[in-house]
Amino acid sequence: MEFDFEKMTADDRYKILTSTIVPRPIAWVTTTSKDGVRNAAPFSFFTALSKDPPLLALGISPGGDGTMKDTARNILDTREFVVNLVPRSASHSMNLTSSVVPPGVDELEIANLETRPSLKVKPERIAISPVAFECRLHTPVEFPNQLIALGQVVQAHVEDAFILDPEKFYVDTIAMDLIGRMHGRGWYTSADGMFQIDRP
């Protein structure tokens, strides 16, 4: 079938995009408002873009009521955020932080998540996450009530247990058991189903 994205509604385009672009890594983003209120939320419109400069891309759609989400507003206001990656053991907590709550509510408290201080930015890291990237806003791409944020990674954290060789920067990716989004509501995947093909 052919799908004319120029004629489809945004919700229908979303169904095609999220049902076919899989798996998508999850950015479990922590931010702090200009008033100091913590925020945490997961986003699967997310990927790494570049190594020099080291850039991550984060797409934040409008909230259910059509307004800008707290994460996007906080990034624009403070120009800082942390991308935490999600292990399977944290999937329930991650899901709780996707709840629709009023501005000013701390999702980290709702999900009873411990945090650790970041080294170069104000937002804290999620302790259960084996990997976290401290980012400063490099380039904001703004649309009505939504944001594509290009973040420059200024500090990376990887739990010691998952470092295979610190001199060569080898990481035990499989052992971290990170999850990604699949199609539809509530479907996820992990590294269990991987297979390898040698490059030519």
N, C-alpha and C. Protein backbone atom coordinates (compact mmCIF):
# COMPACT_ATOMS: atom_id res chain seq x y z
N MET A 1 0.83 -1.19 0.00
CA MET A 1 0.00 0.00 0.00
C MET A 1 0.86 1.24 0.00
N GLU A 2 0.30 2.29 -0.51
CA GLU A 2 0.98 3.59 -0.52
C GLU A 2 0.32 4.50 0.50
N PHE A 3 1.13 5.26 1.21
CA PHE A 3 0.63 6.18 2.24
C PHE A 3 1.14 7.58 1.94
N ASP A 4 0.26 8.47 1.62
CA ASP A 4 0.62 9.84 1.29
C ASP A 4 0.70 10.66 2.57
N PHE A 5 1.92 10.82 3.09
CA PHE A 5 2.10 11.52 4.36
C PHE A 5 1.67 12.98 4.29
N GLU A 6 1.62 13.53 3.09
CA GLU A 6 1.19 14.93 2.97
C GLU A 6 -0.32 15.08 3.13
N LYS A 7 -1.06 13.95 3.06
CA LYS A 7 -2.51 14.01 3.20
C LYS A 7 -3.02 13.34 4.47
N MET A 8 -2.17 12.59 5.14
CA MET A 8 -2.59 11.84 6.33
C MET A 8 -2.58 12.72 7.56
N THR A 9 -3.36 12.33 8.57
CA THR A 9 -3.33 13.03 9.84
C THR A 9 -2.05 12.67 10.58
N ALA A 10 -1.67 13.49 11.54
CA ALA A 10 -0.46 13.24 12.32
C ALA A 10 -0.55 11.91 13.06
N ASP A 11 -1.71 11.59 13.62
CA ASP A 11 -1.87 10.34 14.36
C ASP A 11 -1.72 9.13 13.45
N ASP A 12 -2.22 9.23 12.22
CA ASP A 12 -2.08 8.11 11.29
C ASP A 12 -0.64 7.96 10.81
N ARG A 13 0.05 9.08 10.59
CA ARG A 13 1.48 9.00 10.23
C ARG A 13 2.26 8.34 11.37
N TYR A 14 1.90 8.71 12.60
CA TYR A 14 2.57 8.14 13.78
C TYR A 14 2.45 6.62 13.79
N LYS A 15 1.29 6.09 13.45
CA LYS A 15 1.08 4.64 13.45
C LYS A 15 2.03 3.96 12.47
N ILE A 16 2.18 4.52 11.29
CA ILE A 16 3.08 3.92 10.30
C ILE A 16 4.53 4.02 10.75
N LEU A 17 4.93 5.18 11.24
CA LEU A 17 6.31 5.38 11.68
C LEU A 17 6.69 4.43 12.80
N THR A 18 5.85 4.37 13.84
CA THR A 18 6.21 3.58 15.02
C THR A 18 6.01 2.09 14.83
N SER A 19 5.24 1.70 13.82
CA SER A 19 5.06 0.27 13.55
C SER A 19 6.16 -0.29 12.65
N THR A 20 6.91 0.59 12.02
CA THR A 20 7.93 0.12 11.07
C THR A 20 9.36 0.47 11.47
N ILE A 21 9.55 1.58 12.16
CA ILE A 21 10.90 1.96 12.58
C ILE A 21 11.12 1.36 13.96
N VAL A 22 11.58 0.11 13.96
CA VAL A 22 11.74 -0.65 15.20
C VAL A 22 13.02 -1.48 15.14
N PRO A 23 13.60 -1.82 16.27
CA PRO A 23 13.29 -1.26 17.59
C PRO A 23 13.87 0.14 17.71
N ARG A 24 13.27 0.93 18.59
CA ARG A 24 13.75 2.28 18.84
C ARG A 24 14.31 2.36 20.26
N PRO A 25 15.53 2.85 20.43
CA PRO A 25 16.06 3.00 21.78
C PRO A 25 15.22 4.01 22.56
N ILE A 26 15.25 3.88 23.86
CA ILE A 26 14.45 4.76 24.72
C ILE A 26 15.38 5.72 25.45
N ALA A 27 15.11 7.00 25.29
CA ALA A 27 15.79 8.03 26.07
C ALA A 27 14.93 8.32 27.29
N TRP A 28 15.41 7.93 28.45
CA TRP A 28 14.70 8.20 29.71
C TRP A 28 15.29 9.52 30.21
N VAL A 29 14.62 10.61 29.90
CA VAL A 29 15.23 11.93 30.03
C VAL A 29 14.90 12.56 31.38
N THR A 30 15.94 13.03 32.03
CA THR A 30 15.76 13.80 33.27
C THR A 30 16.14 15.25 32.99
N THR A 31 15.29 16.14 33.48
CA THR A 31 15.53 17.58 33.35
C THR A 31 15.18 18.25 34.67
N THR A 32 15.51 19.51 34.73
CA THR A 32 15.14 20.34 35.88
C THR A 32 14.55 21.63 35.34
N SER A 33 13.43 22.05 35.90
CA SER A 33 12.81 23.29 35.44
C SER A 33 13.64 24.48 35.90
N LYS A 34 13.34 25.65 35.36
CA LYS A 34 14.06 26.85 35.79
C LYS A 34 13.78 27.16 37.24
N ASP A 35 12.69 26.58 37.80
CA ASP A 35 12.37 26.77 39.22
C ASP A 35 12.92 25.65 40.09
N GLY A 36 13.66 24.71 39.48
CA GLY A 36 14.31 23.66 40.25
C GLY A 36 13.50 22.39 40.43
N VAL A 37 12.37 22.25 39.75
CA VAL A 37 11.55 21.05 39.87
C VAL A 37 12.09 19.97 38.94
N ARG A 38 12.30 18.76 39.48
CA ARG A 38 12.82 17.65 38.68
C ARG A 38 11.73 17.07 37.79
N ASN A 39 12.15 16.49 36.67
CA ASN A 39 11.22 15.88 35.73
C ASN A 39 11.89 14.67 35.11
N ALA A 40 11.11 13.63 34.85
CA ALA A 40 11.62 12.45 34.15
C ALA A 40 10.54 11.93 33.22
N ALA A 41 10.93 11.55 32.00
CA ALA A 41 9.98 11.02 31.04
C ALA A 41 10.73 10.24 29.96
N PRO A 42 10.11 9.16 29.43
CA PRO A 42 10.73 8.38 28.37
C PRO A 42 10.28 8.83 26.98
N PHE A 43 11.23 8.74 26.03
CA PHE A 43 10.94 9.12 24.64
C PHE A 43 11.64 8.13 23.72
N SER A 44 10.90 7.65 22.70
CA SER A 44 11.52 6.69 21.76
C SER A 44 11.77 7.30 20.39
N PHE A 45 11.47 8.57 20.21
CA PHE A 45 11.97 9.27 19.02
C PHE A 45 13.34 9.80 19.41
N PHE A 46 14.33 8.92 19.34
CA PHE A 46 15.64 9.19 19.93
C PHE A 46 16.71 8.36 19.22
N THR A 47 17.88 8.97 19.01
CA THR A 47 19.00 8.22 18.47
C THR A 47 20.30 9.02 18.63
N ALA A 48 21.43 8.36 18.39
CA ALA A 48 22.72 9.04 18.30
C ALA A 48 22.93 9.47 16.86
N LEU A 49 23.48 10.65 16.67
CA LEU A 49 23.64 11.20 15.33
C LEU A 49 25.08 11.35 14.88
N SER A 50 25.97 11.64 15.80
CA SER A 50 27.32 12.03 15.39
C SER A 50 28.29 11.75 16.53
N LYS A 51 29.55 11.47 16.13
CA LYS A 51 30.59 11.30 17.15
C LYS A 51 31.44 12.55 17.32
N ASP A 52 31.43 13.45 16.34
CA ASP A 52 32.26 14.65 16.42
C ASP A 52 31.57 15.82 15.72
N PRO A 53 30.78 16.61 16.46
CA PRO A 53 30.58 16.54 17.90
C PRO A 53 29.66 15.37 18.28
N PRO A 54 29.76 14.90 19.52
CA PRO A 54 28.92 13.78 19.95
C PRO A 54 27.49 14.27 20.20
N LEU A 55 26.59 13.97 19.25
CA LEU A 55 25.24 14.50 19.31
C LEU A 55 24.21 13.40 19.45
N LEU A 56 23.22 13.65 20.30
CA LEU A 56 22.04 12.82 20.42
C LEU A 56 20.85 13.63 19.94
N ALA A 57 19.89 12.97 19.29
CA ALA A 57 18.67 13.63 18.84
C ALA A 57 17.50 13.12 19.64
N LEU A 58 16.68 14.04 20.08
CA LEU A 58 15.53 13.72 20.92
C LEU A 58 14.31 14.44 20.37
N GLY A 59 13.29 13.67 19.98
CA GLY A 59 12.06 14.26 19.47
C GLY A 59 10.97 14.23 20.54
N ILE A 60 10.45 15.41 20.87
CA ILE A 60 9.44 15.52 21.93
C ILE A 60 8.17 16.10 21.32
N SER A 61 7.17 15.24 21.15
CA SER A 61 5.89 15.65 20.58
C SER A 61 5.08 16.43 21.60
N PRO A 62 4.02 17.11 21.16
CA PRO A 62 3.15 17.81 22.12
C PRO A 62 2.49 16.82 23.07
N GLY A 63 2.07 17.30 24.23
CA GLY A 63 1.33 16.48 25.17
C GLY A 63 -0.06 16.16 24.64
N GLY A 64 -0.78 15.32 25.37
CA GLY A 64 -2.11 14.92 24.95
C GLY A 64 -3.08 16.07 24.78
N ASP A 65 -2.83 17.15 25.51
CA ASP A 65 -3.70 18.33 25.40
C ASP A 65 -3.18 19.32 24.36
N GLY A 66 -2.13 18.93 23.63
CA GLY A 66 -1.60 19.78 22.57
C GLY A 66 -0.58 20.81 23.01
N THR A 67 -0.27 20.85 24.30
CA THR A 67 0.70 21.82 24.81
C THR A 67 2.10 21.21 24.85
N MET A 68 3.09 22.05 25.03
CA MET A 68 4.47 21.59 25.10
C MET A 68 4.69 20.81 26.39
N LYS A 69 5.36 19.66 26.27
CA LYS A 69 5.65 18.84 27.44
C LYS A 69 6.70 19.52 28.31
N ASP A 70 6.66 19.18 29.60
CA ASP A 70 7.60 19.76 30.57
C ASP A 70 9.04 19.52 30.15
N THR A 71 9.34 18.32 29.64
CA THR A 71 10.72 18.02 29.24
C THR A 71 11.21 19.01 28.20
N ALA A 72 10.39 19.28 27.18
CA ALA A 72 10.79 20.21 26.13
C ALA A 72 10.96 21.62 26.68
N ARG A 73 10.03 22.04 27.50
CA ARG A 73 10.11 23.39 28.08
C ARG A 73 11.36 23.51 28.95
N ASN A 74 11.65 22.49 29.75
CA ASN A 74 12.83 22.54 30.61
C ASN A 74 14.12 22.60 29.81
N ILE A 75 14.18 21.82 28.72
CA ILE A 75 15.39 21.84 27.88
C ILE A 75 15.59 23.21 27.26
N LEU A 76 14.51 23.81 26.77
CA LEU A 76 14.63 25.15 26.19
C LEU A 76 15.02 26.19 27.24
N ASP A 77 14.47 26.05 28.44
CA ASP A 77 14.74 27.04 29.49
C ASP A 77 16.15 26.92 30.07
N THR A 78 16.63 25.68 30.27
CA THR A 78 17.90 25.48 30.98
C THR A 78 19.04 25.05 30.07
N ARG A 79 18.69 24.52 28.88
CA ARG A 79 19.68 24.05 27.90
C ARG A 79 20.50 22.86 28.41
N GLU A 80 19.89 22.07 29.32
CA GLU A 80 20.57 20.90 29.87
C GLU A 80 19.57 19.75 30.01
N PHE A 81 20.08 18.52 29.83
CA PHE A 81 19.27 17.33 30.11
C PHE A 81 20.19 16.13 30.20
N VAL A 82 19.65 15.04 30.76
CA VAL A 82 20.39 13.78 30.86
C VAL A 82 19.57 12.70 30.19
N VAL A 83 20.21 11.94 29.31
CA VAL A 83 19.58 10.78 28.69
C VAL A 83 20.06 9.53 29.43
N ASN A 84 19.13 8.88 30.12
CA ASN A 84 19.39 7.63 30.81
C ASN A 84 18.84 6.51 29.94
N LEU A 85 19.57 5.41 29.79
CA LEU A 85 19.06 4.27 29.03
C LEU A 85 18.37 3.30 29.98
N VAL A 86 17.45 2.49 29.43
CA VAL A 86 16.52 1.74 30.28
C VAL A 86 16.84 0.24 30.26
N PRO A 87 17.26 -0.32 31.40
CA PRO A 87 17.40 -1.77 31.49
C PRO A 87 16.03 -2.41 31.72
N ARG A 88 15.90 -3.68 31.37
CA ARG A 88 14.61 -4.35 31.54
C ARG A 88 14.14 -4.29 32.99
N SER A 89 15.06 -4.34 33.93
CA SER A 89 14.68 -4.30 35.35
C SER A 89 14.01 -3.00 35.75
N ALA A 90 14.16 -1.96 34.93
CA ALA A 90 13.55 -0.65 35.24
C ALA A 90 12.33 -0.36 34.39
N SER A 91 11.85 -1.35 33.63
CA SER A 91 10.77 -1.08 32.68
C SER A 91 9.50 -0.59 33.37
N HIS A 92 9.17 -1.14 34.52
CA HIS A 92 7.95 -0.70 35.23
C HIS A 92 8.11 0.75 35.70
N SER A 93 9.26 1.07 36.26
CA SER A 93 9.50 2.44 36.73
C SER A 93 9.50 3.42 35.58
N MET A 94 10.12 3.02 34.46
CA MET A 94 10.12 3.88 33.28
C MET A 94 8.70 4.16 32.83
N ASN A 95 7.87 3.13 32.83
CA ASN A 95 6.48 3.27 32.41
C ASN A 95 5.72 4.23 33.32
N LEU A 96 6.00 4.17 34.61
CA LEU A 96 5.34 5.08 35.56
C LEU A 96 5.67 6.54 35.24
N THR A 97 6.90 6.79 34.80
CA THR A 97 7.28 8.18 34.52
C THR A 97 6.67 8.71 33.23
N SER A 98 5.98 7.85 32.49
CA SER A 98 5.29 8.32 31.29
C SER A 98 3.88 8.82 31.62
N SER A 99 3.49 8.74 32.89
CA SER A 99 2.16 9.17 33.31
C SER A 99 1.96 10.65 33.01
N VAL A 100 0.73 11.01 32.65
CA VAL A 100 0.38 12.41 32.44
C VAL A 100 0.08 13.03 33.80
N VAL A 101 0.93 13.95 34.21
CA VAL A 101 0.77 14.61 35.50
C VAL A 101 0.87 16.12 35.31
N PRO A 102 0.34 16.90 36.24
CA PRO A 102 0.42 18.36 36.10
C PRO A 102 1.87 18.85 36.14
N PRO A 103 2.14 20.00 35.53
CA PRO A 103 3.48 20.59 35.63
C PRO A 103 3.85 20.79 37.10
N GLY A 104 5.11 20.60 37.39
CA GLY A 104 5.56 20.77 38.76
C GLY A 104 5.56 19.50 39.57
N VAL A 105 5.04 18.40 39.01
CA VAL A 105 5.05 17.12 39.71
C VAL A 105 6.34 16.38 39.36
N ASP A 106 6.99 15.84 40.37
CA ASP A 106 8.27 15.15 40.21
C ASP A 106 8.01 13.67 39.91
N GLU A 107 8.19 13.26 38.64
CA GLU A 107 7.96 11.87 38.26
C GLU A 107 8.94 10.91 38.92
N LEU A 108 10.12 11.41 39.26
CA LEU A 108 11.09 10.55 39.95
C LEU A 108 10.55 10.10 41.31
N GLU A 109 9.81 10.98 41.97
CA GLU A 109 9.18 10.61 43.24
C GLU A 109 8.02 9.64 43.02
N ILE A 110 7.23 9.89 41.99
CA ILE A 110 6.10 9.00 41.69
C ILE A 110 6.59 7.57 41.49
N ALA A 111 7.70 7.41 40.77
CA ALA A 111 8.24 6.08 40.47
C ALA A 111 9.21 5.59 41.53
N ASN A 112 9.39 6.37 42.60
CA ASN A 112 10.28 6.00 43.71
C ASN A 112 11.68 5.66 43.21
N LEU A 113 12.22 6.54 42.36
CA LEU A 113 13.53 6.31 41.75
C LEU A 113 14.64 7.05 42.48
N GLU A 114 15.70 6.34 42.76
CA GLU A 114 16.88 6.98 43.32
C GLU A 114 17.65 7.66 42.20
N THR A 115 18.34 8.73 42.55
CA THR A 115 19.13 9.46 41.56
C THR A 115 20.56 9.63 42.06
N ARG A 116 21.41 10.00 41.12
CA ARG A 116 22.80 10.32 41.44
C ARG A 116 23.10 11.69 40.84
N PRO A 117 23.98 12.45 41.45
CA PRO A 117 24.30 13.76 40.88
C PRO A 117 25.06 13.62 39.56
N SER A 118 24.79 14.52 38.66
CA SER A 118 25.57 14.60 37.44
C SER A 118 26.83 15.40 37.72
N LEU A 119 27.79 15.33 36.80
CA LEU A 119 29.06 16.02 37.01
C LEU A 119 29.12 17.39 36.34
N LYS A 120 28.41 17.55 35.21
CA LYS A 120 28.55 18.79 34.46
C LYS A 120 27.23 19.52 34.20
N VAL A 121 26.11 18.88 34.48
CA VAL A 121 24.81 19.53 34.29
C VAL A 121 24.00 19.38 35.57
N LYS A 122 22.96 20.19 35.69
CA LYS A 122 22.16 20.18 36.92
C LYS A 122 21.23 18.98 37.05
N PRO A 123 20.53 18.54 35.97
CA PRO A 123 19.64 17.39 36.14
C PRO A 123 20.39 16.16 36.64
N GLU A 124 19.73 15.42 37.52
CA GLU A 124 20.34 14.23 38.11
C GLU A 124 20.20 13.03 37.18
N ARG A 125 21.03 12.01 37.43
CA ARG A 125 20.96 10.75 36.69
C ARG A 125 20.06 9.78 37.45
N ILE A 126 19.47 8.83 36.73
CA ILE A 126 18.65 7.79 37.36
C ILE A 126 19.58 6.65 37.75
N ALA A 127 19.60 6.32 39.04
CA ALA A 127 20.59 5.38 39.55
C ALA A 127 20.47 3.99 38.95
N ILE A 128 19.26 3.53 38.65
CA ILE A 128 19.08 2.17 38.14
C ILE A 128 19.52 2.04 36.68
N SER A 129 19.73 3.15 36.01
CA SER A 129 20.15 3.12 34.61
C SER A 129 21.64 2.81 34.53
N PRO A 130 22.04 1.82 33.73
CA PRO A 130 23.47 1.49 33.64
C PRO A 130 24.26 2.46 32.79
N VAL A 131 23.56 3.30 32.01
CA VAL A 131 24.22 4.26 31.12
C VAL A 131 23.48 5.58 31.19
N ALA A 132 24.23 6.66 31.29
CA ALA A 132 23.61 7.99 31.26
C ALA A 132 24.54 8.94 30.51
N PHE A 133 23.91 9.82 29.73
CA PHE A 133 24.65 10.82 28.96
C PHE A 133 24.21 12.21 29.40
N GLU A 134 25.14 12.96 29.97
CA GLU A 134 24.85 14.35 30.32
C GLU A 134 24.97 15.18 29.04
N CYS A 135 23.94 15.98 28.78
CA CYS A 135 23.90 16.74 27.52
C CYS A 135 23.64 18.22 27.76
N ARG A 136 24.24 19.03 26.89
CA ARG A 136 23.89 20.44 26.78
C ARG A 136 23.22 20.64 25.42
N LEU A 137 22.22 21.47 25.40
CA LEU A 137 21.48 21.70 24.16
C LEU A 137 22.40 22.31 23.11
N HIS A 138 22.57 21.63 22.00
CA HIS A 138 23.40 22.10 20.90
C HIS A 138 22.55 22.91 19.91
N THR A 139 21.46 22.29 19.46
CA THR A 139 20.58 22.94 18.49
C THR A 139 19.13 22.58 18.79
N PRO A 140 18.29 23.57 19.04
CA PRO A 140 16.86 23.29 19.17
C PRO A 140 16.16 23.51 17.83
N VAL A 141 15.30 22.57 17.46
CA VAL A 141 14.45 22.73 16.28
C VAL A 141 13.02 22.76 16.80
N GLU A 142 12.41 23.94 16.75
CA GLU A 142 11.10 24.11 17.38
C GLU A 142 9.98 24.09 16.34
N PHE A 143 8.92 23.39 16.70
CA PHE A 143 7.66 23.40 15.97
C PHE A 143 6.59 23.81 16.97
N PRO A 144 5.36 24.07 16.54
CA PRO A 144 4.32 24.44 17.51
C PRO A 144 4.19 23.40 18.63
N ASN A 145 4.58 23.80 19.82
CA ASN A 145 4.45 23.00 21.04
C ASN A 145 5.23 21.68 21.01
N GLN A 146 6.22 21.58 20.14
CA GLN A 146 7.07 20.40 20.15
C GLN A 146 8.51 20.80 19.85
N LEU A 147 9.42 19.87 20.15
CA LEU A 147 10.85 20.19 20.07
C LEU A 147 11.63 18.99 19.57
N ILE A 148 12.54 19.23 18.65
CA ILE A 148 13.60 18.29 18.35
C ILE A 148 14.86 18.90 18.94
N ALA A 149 15.43 18.23 19.91
CA ALA A 149 16.61 18.74 20.61
C ALA A 149 17.83 17.94 20.20
N LEU A 150 18.82 18.63 19.66
CA LEU A 150 20.12 18.01 19.44
C LEU A 150 20.97 18.33 20.66
N GLY A 151 21.33 17.30 21.39
CA GLY A 151 22.11 17.50 22.60
C GLY A 151 23.54 17.05 22.41
N GLN A 152 24.46 17.87 22.86
CA GLN A 152 25.87 17.48 22.80
C GLN A 152 26.25 16.80 24.10
N VAL A 153 26.74 15.58 23.99
CA VAL A 153 27.13 14.81 25.17
C VAL A 153 28.42 15.41 25.74
N VAL A 154 28.38 15.78 27.01
CA VAL A 154 29.56 16.35 27.67
C VAL A 154 30.14 15.40 28.72
N GLN A 155 29.35 14.37 29.09
CA GLN A 155 29.83 13.39 30.06
C GLN A 155 29.02 12.12 29.89
N ALA A 156 29.69 10.97 29.87
CA ALA A 156 29.01 9.68 29.79
C ALA A 156 29.32 8.88 31.05
N HIS A 157 28.32 8.16 31.53
CA HIS A 157 28.46 7.30 32.70
C HIS A 157 28.07 5.88 32.30
N VAL A 158 28.94 4.92 32.55
CA VAL A 158 28.62 3.51 32.35
C VAL A 158 29.01 2.77 33.62
N GLU A 159 28.08 1.98 34.16
CA GLU A 159 28.35 1.25 35.40
C GLU A 159 29.59 0.37 35.23
N ASP A 160 30.43 0.35 36.27
CA ASP A 160 31.68 -0.42 36.23
C ASP A 160 31.47 -1.87 35.84
N ALA A 161 30.36 -2.46 36.29
CA ALA A 161 30.11 -3.89 36.05
C ALA A 161 30.00 -4.21 34.57
N PHE A 162 29.75 -3.21 33.74
CA PHE A 162 29.54 -3.45 32.32
C PHE A 162 30.71 -3.00 31.45
N ILE A 163 31.82 -2.66 32.08
CA ILE A 163 33.02 -2.29 31.34
C ILE A 163 33.90 -3.52 31.17
N LEU A 164 34.13 -3.92 29.93
CA LEU A 164 34.96 -5.09 29.66
C LEU A 164 36.43 -4.73 29.60
N ASP A 165 36.73 -3.59 28.99
CA ASP A 165 38.11 -3.15 28.85
C ASP A 165 38.13 -1.63 28.85
N PRO A 166 38.50 -1.02 29.99
CA PRO A 166 38.45 0.44 30.07
C PRO A 166 39.45 1.14 29.16
N GLU A 167 40.54 0.50 28.82
CA GLU A 167 41.52 1.14 27.95
C GLU A 167 41.06 1.16 26.50
N LYS A 168 40.28 0.15 26.10
CA LYS A 168 39.78 0.09 24.73
C LYS A 168 38.32 0.57 24.64
N PHE A 169 37.74 0.93 25.79
CA PHE A 169 36.36 1.42 25.84
C PHE A 169 35.36 0.37 25.36
N TYR A 170 35.63 -0.90 25.69
CA TYR A 170 34.72 -1.99 25.35
C TYR A 170 33.68 -2.12 26.46
N VAL A 171 32.41 -2.19 26.05
CA VAL A 171 31.29 -2.26 26.98
C VAL A 171 30.54 -3.56 26.74
N ASP A 172 30.07 -4.20 27.81
CA ASP A 172 29.29 -5.44 27.71
C ASP A 172 27.83 -5.07 27.45
N THR A 173 27.53 -4.79 26.20
CA THR A 173 26.21 -4.31 25.81
C THR A 173 25.12 -5.31 26.17
N ILE A 174 25.35 -6.59 25.89
CA ILE A 174 24.32 -7.59 26.13
C ILE A 174 23.96 -7.67 27.61
N ALA A 175 24.98 -7.61 28.47
CA ALA A 175 24.74 -7.75 29.91
C ALA A 175 23.90 -6.61 30.48
N MET A 176 23.91 -5.44 29.82
CA MET A 176 23.12 -4.32 30.34
C MET A 176 21.62 -4.57 30.19
N ASP A 177 21.23 -5.45 29.27
CA ASP A 177 19.83 -5.82 29.08
C ASP A 177 18.94 -4.61 28.84
N LEU A 178 19.39 -3.74 27.95
CA LEU A 178 18.62 -2.53 27.64
C LEU A 178 17.41 -2.88 26.78
N ILE A 179 16.35 -2.11 26.94
CA ILE A 179 15.14 -2.36 26.17
C ILE A 179 14.90 -1.23 25.17
N GLY A 180 14.11 -1.54 24.14
CA GLY A 180 13.71 -0.56 23.15
C GLY A 180 12.23 -0.69 22.87
N ARG A 181 11.67 0.32 22.23
CA ARG A 181 10.25 0.31 21.88
C ARG A 181 10.03 -0.43 20.58
N MET A 182 8.89 -1.13 20.53
CA MET A 182 8.45 -1.78 19.31
C MET A 182 7.18 -1.10 18.83
N HIS A 183 6.34 -1.82 18.15
CA HIS A 183 5.09 -1.28 17.60
C HIS A 183 4.03 -1.14 18.69
N GLY A 184 3.06 -0.28 18.44
CA GLY A 184 1.88 -0.22 19.29
C GLY A 184 2.16 0.18 20.72
N ARG A 185 1.10 0.23 21.49
CA ARG A 185 1.21 0.63 22.89
C ARG A 185 1.70 -0.55 23.74
N GLY A 186 2.74 -0.29 24.53
CA GLY A 186 3.16 -1.28 25.51
C GLY A 186 4.07 -2.38 25.02
N TRP A 187 4.52 -2.35 23.76
CA TRP A 187 5.39 -3.41 23.26
C TRP A 187 6.85 -2.96 23.27
N TYR A 188 7.70 -3.83 23.83
CA TYR A 188 9.13 -3.53 23.97
C TYR A 188 9.94 -4.74 23.51
N THR A 189 11.23 -4.52 23.35
CA THR A 189 12.13 -5.62 23.02
C THR A 189 13.44 -5.41 23.77
N SER A 190 14.23 -6.49 23.86
CA SER A 190 15.55 -6.39 24.48
C SER A 190 16.56 -7.04 23.55
N ALA A 191 17.76 -7.25 24.03
CA ALA A 191 18.84 -7.79 23.20
C ALA A 191 18.73 -9.30 23.01
N ASP A 192 17.73 -9.95 23.61
CA ASP A 192 17.62 -11.42 23.55
C ASP A 192 17.55 -11.96 22.13
N GLY A 193 16.89 -11.23 21.26
CA GLY A 193 16.65 -11.75 19.93
C GLY A 193 17.70 -11.35 18.91
N MET A 194 18.90 -11.00 19.33
CA MET A 194 19.91 -10.51 18.40
C MET A 194 20.52 -11.63 17.56
N PHE A 195 21.00 -11.25 16.38
CA PHE A 195 21.83 -12.14 15.59
C PHE A 195 22.92 -11.30 14.94
N GLN A 196 24.00 -11.93 14.55
CA GLN A 196 25.17 -11.22 14.03
C GLN A 196 25.44 -11.61 12.59
N ILE A 197 25.81 -10.63 11.78
CA ILE A 197 26.25 -10.86 10.41
C ILE A 197 27.60 -10.17 10.25
N ASP A 198 28.60 -10.92 9.78
CA ASP A 198 29.92 -10.32 9.58
C ASP A 198 29.87 -9.31 8.45
N ARG A 199 30.53 -8.18 8.67
CA ARG A 199 30.58 -7.15 7.63
C ARG A 199 31.53 -7.58 6.52
N PRO A 200 31.21 -7.23 5.28
CA PRO A 200 32.08 -7.64 4.16
C PRO A 200 33.41 -6.87 4.19
